[in-house]
Amino acid sequence: MPIAAIDRLRPEMVKRHVSEVARGPRGFLRQYRKAGGRFSKLSPYWRRRRNNFVKRHLAQARNNREKLWDPKKKRYSRRGLALVAWAYDPKRFRRNEVKKTDLWGYAGLLLVGAWLIWRV
């Protein structure tokens, strides 16, 4: 996520008291700025911290069936803003989610494979 997009949402983060640690002087956003807004140039420590944060919060959002982005209000939830503070765009979350049909398709493929093996 570009630094400019994160900076546009910074006033809302401050107003809603979101990700104070990530926005702090020793936080992720400072490191992300030093890396020029490029994930690949972050140190392995910060890449790992960011990935773990994103993974943990996406799992919690999925389990609680939270909306990270409200298209009607055109506004992020608090958790969505926290993900933005860690350079992750929550609008992508719905597109990357695995659909039940995809899982059944994979299970169906396994069943067909097992049937072919059994048949031989």
C-alpha atoms as a PDB file:
ATOM      1  CA  MET A   1       0.000   0.000   0.000  1.00  0.00           C
ATOM      2  CA  PRO A   2       1.454   3.390  -0.941  1.00  0.00           C
ATOM      3  CA  ILE A   3       2.645   5.714   1.828  1.00  0.00           C
ATOM      4  CA  ALA A   4       0.492   8.541   0.427  1.00  0.00           C
ATOM      5  CA  ALA A   5      -2.665   6.433   0.887  1.00  0.00           C
ATOM      6  CA  ILE A   6      -1.685   5.658   4.480  1.00  0.00           C
ATOM      7  CA  ASP A   7      -0.947   9.332   5.158  1.00  0.00           C
ATOM      8  CA  ARG A   8      -4.405  10.339   3.886  1.00  0.00           C
ATOM      9  CA  LEU A   9      -5.952   8.067   6.547  1.00  0.00           C
ATOM     10  CA  ARG A  10      -3.622   9.137   9.369  1.00  0.00           C
ATOM     11  CA  PRO A  11      -6.009  11.845  10.733  1.00  0.00           C
ATOM     12  CA  GLU A  12      -8.777   9.250  11.029  1.00  0.00           C
ATOM     13  CA  MET A  13      -6.369   6.851  12.783  1.00  0.00           C
ATOM     14  CA  VAL A  14      -5.484   9.570  15.289  1.00  0.00           C
ATOM     15  CA  LYS A  15      -9.135  10.503  15.801  1.00  0.00           C
ATOM     16  CA  ARG A  16     -10.174   6.880  16.415  1.00  0.00           C
ATOM     17  CA  HIS A  17      -7.028   5.999  18.465  1.00  0.00           C
ATOM     18  CA  VAL A  18      -5.954   3.215  16.125  1.00  0.00           C
ATOM     19  CA  SER A  19      -2.446   1.699  15.908  1.00  0.00           C
ATOM     20  CA  GLU A  20      -0.653   4.160  18.129  1.00  0.00           C
ATOM     21  CA  VAL A  21       2.335   1.821  18.367  1.00  0.00           C
ATOM     22  CA  ALA A  22       2.611   1.351  14.583  1.00  0.00           C
ATOM     23  CA  ARG A  23       2.401   5.127  14.095  1.00  0.00           C
ATOM     24  CA  GLY A  24       4.863   5.845  16.913  1.00  0.00           C
ATOM     25  CA  PRO A  25       8.471   7.033  16.561  1.00  0.00           C
ATOM     26  CA  ARG A  26       9.845   3.463  16.661  1.00  0.00           C
ATOM     27  CA  GLY A  27       6.910   1.842  14.882  1.00  0.00           C
ATOM     28  CA  PHE A  28       6.270   0.168  11.586  1.00  0.00           C
ATOM     29  CA  LEU A  29       5.341   3.275   9.606  1.00  0.00           C
ATOM     30  CA  ARG A  30       8.702   4.883  10.261  1.00  0.00           C
ATOM     31  CA  GLN A  31      10.488   1.767   9.029  1.00  0.00           C
ATOM     32  CA  TYR A  32       8.164   1.580   6.026  1.00  0.00           C
ATOM     33  CA  ARG A  33       9.016   5.195   5.145  1.00  0.00           C
ATOM     34  CA  LYS A  34      12.753   4.451   5.438  1.00  0.00           C
ATOM     35  CA  ALA A  35      12.229   1.557   3.027  1.00  0.00           C
ATOM     36  CA  GLY A  36      10.640   3.967   0.556  1.00  0.00           C
ATOM     37  CA  GLY A  37       7.245   2.311   0.881  1.00  0.00           C
ATOM     38  CA  ARG A  38       8.615  -0.948  -0.518  1.00  0.00           C
ATOM     39  CA  PHE A  39       7.854  -4.088   1.401  1.00  0.00           C
ATOM     40  CA  SER A  40      10.820  -5.886  -0.154  1.00  0.00           C
ATOM     41  CA  LYS A  41      13.263  -3.356   1.335  1.00  0.00           C
ATOM     42  CA  LEU A  42      12.067  -3.850   4.928  1.00  0.00           C
ATOM     43  CA  SER A  43      14.322  -5.797   7.255  1.00  0.00           C
ATOM     44  CA  PRO A  44      13.330  -9.428   7.852  1.00  0.00           C
ATOM     45  CA  TYR A  45      12.329  -8.468  11.416  1.00  0.00           C
ATOM     46  CA  TRP A  46       9.783  -5.886  10.232  1.00  0.00           C
ATOM     47  CA  ARG A  47       8.508  -8.092   7.410  1.00  0.00           C
ATOM     48  CA  ARG A  48       7.872 -10.879   9.912  1.00  0.00           C
ATOM     49  CA  ARG A  49       6.161  -8.518  12.401  1.00  0.00           C
ATOM     50  CA  ARG A  50       3.964  -7.050   9.701  1.00  0.00           C
ATOM     51  CA  ASN A  51       2.989 -10.425   8.237  1.00  0.00           C
ATOM     52  CA  ASN A  52       2.171 -11.826  11.679  1.00  0.00           C
ATOM     53  CA  PHE A  53       0.056  -8.766  12.544  1.00  0.00           C
ATOM     54  CA  VAL A  54      -1.868  -8.969   9.275  1.00  0.00           C
ATOM     55  CA  LYS A  55      -2.361 -12.725   9.541  1.00  0.00           C
ATOM     56  CA  ARG A  56      -3.589 -12.485  13.143  1.00  0.00           C
ATOM     57  CA  HIS A  57      -6.025  -9.645  12.480  1.00  0.00           C
ATOM     58  CA  LEU A  58      -7.422 -11.120   9.273  1.00  0.00           C
ATOM     59  CA  ALA A  59      -8.092 -14.382  11.126  1.00  0.00           C
ATOM     60  CA  GLN A  60      -9.868 -12.507  13.927  1.00  0.00           C
ATOM     61  CA  ALA A  61     -11.916 -10.530  11.403  1.00  0.00           C
ATOM     62  CA  ARG A  62     -12.862 -13.711   9.566  1.00  0.00           C
ATOM     63  CA  ASN A  63     -13.829 -15.527  12.790  1.00  0.00           C
ATOM     64  CA  ASN A  64     -15.915 -12.578  14.029  1.00  0.00           C
ATOM     65  CA  ARG A  65     -17.350 -11.918  10.553  1.00  0.00           C
ATOM     66  CA  GLU A  66     -16.265  -8.291  10.737  1.00  0.00           C
ATOM     67  CA  LYS A  67     -16.400  -5.931   7.811  1.00  0.00           C
ATOM     68  CA  LEU A  68     -13.076  -4.209   7.346  1.00  0.00           C
ATOM     69  CA  TRP A  69     -14.446  -1.769   4.789  1.00  0.00           C
ATOM     70  CA  ASP A  70     -17.990  -0.425   4.664  1.00  0.00           C
ATOM     71  CA  PRO A  71     -18.817   0.456   1.036  1.00  0.00           C
ATOM     72  CA  LYS A  72     -21.992   2.347   2.009  1.00  0.00           C
ATOM     73  CA  LYS A  73     -20.200   4.679   4.427  1.00  0.00           C
ATOM     74  CA  LYS A  74     -16.954   4.507   2.415  1.00  0.00           C
ATOM     75  CA  ARG A  75     -15.062   4.069   5.650  1.00  0.00           C
ATOM     76  CA  TYR A  76     -12.742   1.527   7.256  1.00  0.00           C
ATOM     77  CA  SER A  77     -13.558  -0.188  10.535  1.00  0.00           C
ATOM     78  CA  ARG A  78     -11.105   0.237  13.412  1.00  0.00           C
ATOM     79  CA  ARG A  79      -9.485  -3.094  12.563  1.00  0.00           C
ATOM     80  CA  GLY A  80      -9.382  -2.072   8.897  1.00  0.00           C
ATOM     81  CA  LEU A  81      -7.562   1.135   9.846  1.00  0.00           C
ATOM     82  CA  ALA A  82      -5.121  -0.881  11.960  1.00  0.00           C
ATOM     83  CA  LEU A  83      -4.342  -3.010   8.903  1.00  0.00           C
ATOM     84  CA  VAL A  84      -3.837   0.144   6.830  1.00  0.00           C
ATOM     85  CA  ALA A  85      -1.335   1.343   9.455  1.00  0.00           C
ATOM     86  CA  TRP A  86       0.608  -1.854   8.705  1.00  0.00           C
ATOM     87  CA  ALA A  87       0.478  -1.180   4.923  1.00  0.00           C
ATOM     88  CA  TYR A  88      -2.237  -3.726   4.118  1.00  0.00           C
ATOM     89  CA  ASP A  89      -5.288  -2.705   2.107  1.00  0.00           C
ATOM     90  CA  PRO A  90      -8.369  -4.345   3.671  1.00  0.00           C
ATOM     91  CA  LYS A  91     -10.413  -3.709   0.530  1.00  0.00           C
ATOM     92  CA  ARG A  92      -8.458  -6.612  -0.999  1.00  0.00           C
ATOM     93  CA  PHE A  93      -9.564  -8.903   1.850  1.00  0.00           C
ATOM     94  CA  ARG A  94     -12.864  -9.947   0.266  1.00  0.00           C
ATOM     95  CA  ARG A  95     -11.250 -10.691  -3.091  1.00  0.00           C
ATOM     96  CA  ASN A  96      -8.591 -12.921  -1.535  1.00  0.00           C
ATOM     97  CA  GLU A  97     -11.003 -14.859   0.650  1.00  0.00           C
ATOM     98  CA  VAL A  98     -11.387 -18.537  -0.263  1.00  0.00           C
ATOM     99  CA  LYS A  99     -14.916 -19.368  -1.362  1.00  0.00           C
ATOM    100  CA  LYS A 100     -16.750 -22.487  -0.217  1.00  0.00           C
ATOM    101  CA  THR A 101     -17.120 -23.567  -3.830  1.00  0.00           C
ATOM    102  CA  ASP A 102     -13.336 -23.491  -4.207  1.00  0.00           C
ATOM    103  CA  LEU A 103     -12.956 -25.778  -1.199  1.00  0.00           C
ATOM    104  CA  TRP A 104     -15.600 -28.180  -2.502  1.00  0.00           C
ATOM    105  CA  GLY A 105     -13.906 -28.127  -5.890  1.00  0.00           C
ATOM    106  CA  TYR A 106     -10.645 -29.188  -4.264  1.00  0.00           C
ATOM    107  CA  ALA A 107     -12.399 -31.884  -2.210  1.00  0.00           C
ATOM    108  CA  GLY A 108     -14.151 -33.076  -5.355  1.00  0.00           C
ATOM    109  CA  LEU A 109     -10.807 -33.321  -7.121  1.00  0.00           C
ATOM    110  CA  LEU A 110      -9.467 -35.465  -4.274  1.00  0.00           C
ATOM    111  CA  LEU A 111     -12.524 -37.728  -4.411  1.00  0.00           C
ATOM    112  CA  VAL A 112     -12.149 -38.209  -8.163  1.00  0.00           C
ATOM    113  CA  GLY A 113      -8.443 -38.968  -7.701  1.00  0.00           C
ATOM    114  CA  ALA A 114      -9.198 -41.510  -4.960  1.00  0.00           C
ATOM    115  CA  TRP A 115     -11.872 -43.124  -7.125  1.00  0.00           C
ATOM    116  CA  LEU A 116      -9.436 -43.435 -10.042  1.00  0.00           C
ATOM    117  CA  ILE A 117      -6.812 -45.034  -7.805  1.00  0.00           C
ATOM    118  CA  TRP A 118      -9.377 -47.445  -6.325  1.00  0.00           C
ATOM    119  CA  ARG A 119     -10.678 -48.366  -9.761  1.00  0.00           C
ATOM    120  CA  VAL A 120      -7.255 -49.447 -11.021  1.00  0.00           C
END
